[in-house]
Protein backbone atom coordinates (compact mmCIF):
# COMPACT_ATOMS: atom_id res chain seq x y z
CA MET A 1 -22.80 20.08 -17.35
CA PRO A 2 -21.79 19.83 -21.03
CA PRO A 3 -18.46 18.02 -21.59
CA LYS A 4 -16.94 21.04 -23.36
CA LEU A 5 -17.72 23.36 -20.44
CA ARG A 6 -16.50 20.75 -17.93
CA ALA A 7 -13.19 20.40 -19.85
CA SER A 8 -12.67 24.18 -19.84
CA LEU A 9 -13.25 24.35 -16.07
CA ILE A 10 -10.66 21.70 -15.19
CA PRO A 11 -7.59 23.99 -15.51
CA LEU A 12 -9.36 26.68 -13.47
CA LEU A 13 -10.27 24.21 -10.72
CA LEU A 14 -6.72 22.88 -10.59
CA ALA A 15 -5.32 26.41 -10.29
CA LEU A 16 -7.79 27.20 -7.51
CA ALA A 17 -6.98 23.96 -5.73
CA ALA A 18 -3.25 24.62 -5.86
CA SER A 19 -3.70 28.13 -4.48
CA ALA A 20 -6.04 26.78 -1.81
CA VAL A 21 -3.50 24.37 -0.36
CA VAL A 22 -0.14 26.16 -0.60
CA GLN A 23 1.91 29.29 0.05
CA ALA A 24 3.82 28.24 3.15
CA LYS A 25 5.48 30.91 5.25
CA THR A 26 8.53 31.84 3.20
CA SER A 27 10.55 33.07 6.20
CA ASP A 28 10.46 29.55 7.69
CA ARG A 29 12.97 28.30 5.12
CA LYS A 30 15.57 30.74 6.47
CA GLN A 31 15.26 29.46 10.05
CA ALA A 32 17.42 26.85 11.78
CA THR A 33 16.08 23.29 11.77
CA ASN A 34 15.68 21.81 15.26
CA ILE A 35 15.30 18.04 15.63
CA GLU A 36 14.34 15.96 18.70
CA ALA A 37 13.77 12.22 19.23
CA ASP A 38 13.75 9.51 21.90
CA ARG A 39 16.75 7.80 20.31
CA VAL A 40 19.37 9.06 17.88
CA GLU A 41 21.91 7.08 15.88
CA TYR A 42 24.43 9.72 14.84
CA SER A 43 27.25 9.08 12.39
CA THR A 44 30.46 11.07 12.36
CA LYS A 45 30.87 10.26 8.66
CA SER A 46 29.45 13.10 6.60
CA THR A 47 27.96 10.74 4.00
CA ALA A 48 26.12 8.48 6.45
CA PRO A 49 22.55 9.38 7.41
CA ASN A 50 21.49 9.96 11.00
CA VAL A 51 18.57 7.89 12.29
CA LEU A 52 16.00 9.11 14.80
CA ASP A 53 13.38 6.92 16.46
CA GLY A 54 10.45 7.61 18.76
CA ASN A 55 8.51 10.84 19.04
CA VAL A 56 10.55 12.58 16.34
CA VAL A 57 9.89 16.31 16.12
CA VAL A 58 11.37 18.59 13.42
CA ILE A 59 10.83 22.35 13.80
CA GLN A 60 11.83 25.04 11.30
CA GLY A 61 10.23 28.43 11.93
CA THR A 62 6.45 27.90 12.14
CA MET A 63 6.73 24.46 10.51
CA THR A 64 6.53 21.48 12.87
CA ALA A 65 6.68 17.86 11.68
CA LYS A 66 6.07 14.92 14.01
CA GLY A 67 6.49 11.23 13.29
CA ALA A 68 7.69 7.91 14.64
CA HIS A 69 10.95 7.66 12.67
CA ALA A 70 13.22 9.95 10.66
CA THR A 71 16.35 9.61 8.61
CA VAL A 72 18.36 12.82 8.26
CA TRP A 73 21.04 13.52 5.68
CA ALA A 74 23.51 16.41 5.87
CA THR A 75 26.27 17.80 3.69
CA ASN A 76 29.10 19.78 5.27
CA GLY A 77 27.19 19.85 8.56
CA LYS A 78 24.03 21.31 6.98
CA THR A 79 20.84 19.23 7.04
CA ASN A 80 19.59 18.85 3.46
CA ARG A 81 17.03 16.01 3.54
CA ILE A 82 14.66 14.53 6.10
CA LEU A 83 12.60 11.39 5.48
CA MET A 84 9.92 10.91 8.13
CA THR A 85 7.56 7.99 8.63
CA GLY A 86 4.84 7.58 11.18
CA SER A 87 1.32 6.62 11.98
CA PRO A 88 0.91 9.19 10.45
CA VAL A 89 3.48 11.95 10.03
CA VAL A 90 1.80 15.24 10.98
CA LEU A 91 3.09 18.53 9.60
CA THR A 92 1.73 21.92 10.65
CA GLU A 93 2.75 25.36 9.43
CA THR A 94 1.57 28.95 9.39
CA LEU A 95 1.11 30.28 5.86
CA ASP A 96 2.23 33.72 4.68
CA ASP A 97 -1.33 35.01 5.10
CA GLY A 98 -1.30 33.86 8.74
CA SER A 99 -3.65 30.92 8.25
CA PRO A 100 -2.78 27.42 9.50
CA MET A 101 -1.91 24.47 7.27
CA LYS A 102 -1.92 20.84 8.37
CA ALA A 103 -0.75 17.82 6.42
CA THR A 104 -0.82 14.15 7.35
CA ALA A 105 0.72 11.23 5.45
CA ALA A 106 2.34 7.86 6.05
CA GLN A 107 5.67 9.33 4.85
CA VAL A 108 7.11 12.77 4.16
CA ASP A 109 10.36 13.21 2.22
CA TYR A 110 11.52 16.83 2.59
CA ASN A 111 14.50 18.18 0.63
CA LEU A 112 15.62 21.37 2.38
CA ASP A 113 17.85 22.43 -0.54
CA THR A 114 15.11 22.27 -3.19
CA GLU A 115 12.29 23.02 -0.72
CA VAL A 116 10.25 20.14 -2.14
CA ALA A 117 8.23 17.87 0.13
CA VAL A 118 6.79 14.59 -1.17
CA PHE A 119 3.90 13.23 0.90
CA THR A 120 2.90 9.58 0.31
CA GLY A 121 0.27 7.27 1.76
CA ASN A 122 -3.19 8.57 2.73
CA VAL A 123 -2.21 12.21 2.28
CA VAL A 124 -4.52 14.91 3.64
CA LEU A 125 -3.59 18.60 3.22
CA THR A 126 -5.92 20.99 5.08
CA GLN A 127 -6.15 24.74 5.45
CA PRO A 128 -9.07 27.16 5.80
CA LYS A 129 -9.34 27.62 2.01
CA GLY A 130 -9.73 23.91 1.30
CA THR A 131 -8.46 20.35 1.51
CA MET A 132 -6.72 17.88 -0.79
CA ASN A 133 -6.59 14.10 -0.32
CA GLY A 134 -4.57 11.61 -2.33
CA GLN A 135 -1.95 8.89 -2.17
CA LYS A 136 0.95 11.09 -3.30
CA VAL A 137 1.29 14.86 -3.20
CA THR A 138 4.43 16.77 -4.22
CA TYR A 139 4.62 20.27 -2.77
CA ASN A 140 7.23 22.75 -4.04
CA MET A 141 7.46 25.37 -1.30
CA LYS A 142 9.55 27.74 -3.47
CA THR A 143 7.05 27.95 -6.30
CA GLY A 144 3.84 27.12 -4.41
CA THR A 145 3.15 24.27 -6.85
CA VAL A 146 1.26 21.17 -5.76
CA ASN A 147 1.14 18.03 -7.92
CA SER A 148 -0.99 15.02 -7.12
CA GLY A 149 -2.52 12.08 -8.97
CA GLY A 150 -1.56 10.82 -12.38
CA ASP A 151 -0.51 7.53 -10.81
CA GLY A 152 -3.85 5.75 -11.18
CA THR A 153 -5.19 6.97 -7.84
CA ARG A 154 -7.88 9.61 -7.37
CA VAL A 155 -7.32 13.04 -5.90
CA LYS A 156 -10.13 14.64 -3.90
CA MET A 157 -10.39 18.38 -3.22
CA VAL A 158 -12.83 20.52 -1.29
CA LEU A 159 -12.59 24.26 -1.95
CA GLN A 160 -14.29 26.56 0.51
CA PRO A 161 -16.24 29.52 -0.90
CA LYS A 162 -14.68 32.96 -0.64
CA SER A 163 -15.87 34.81 2.41
CA GLY A 164 -17.43 38.25 2.07
CA THR A 165 -19.61 39.61 -0.70
């Protein structure tokens, strides 16, 4: 493929890749966040984080995240940030179109106020439209924007062909 044609296709491929991996179910963000673990270290001080260990499960609407450890921050009694680590952390969610999404990573840092999730360490995002692999992926659930790479590591994507004619 000529370099000029290849360069003009890059923005199109990136746009397709972003649309292939995002668009989480928007109603999930309005649901209560339920958290379970084998052990909880809860602080009565509003500024201190709460620590969860062992079989941590976070559920918000159709979104479920599972990991070995989580640190949870809250302001005025409202959870606003969850940092999960695991071997790996596994996140599943139903997208607005009804299709499933699965993400795995060594760590997921989810800010509930900004609706931004940062996945780091052997990240794999999968849904029927395609997959994305990298070492760091930032996913803005409000805007549907996915950013990955630019840190010296490679990003790999597989985009499935459109079904139908």
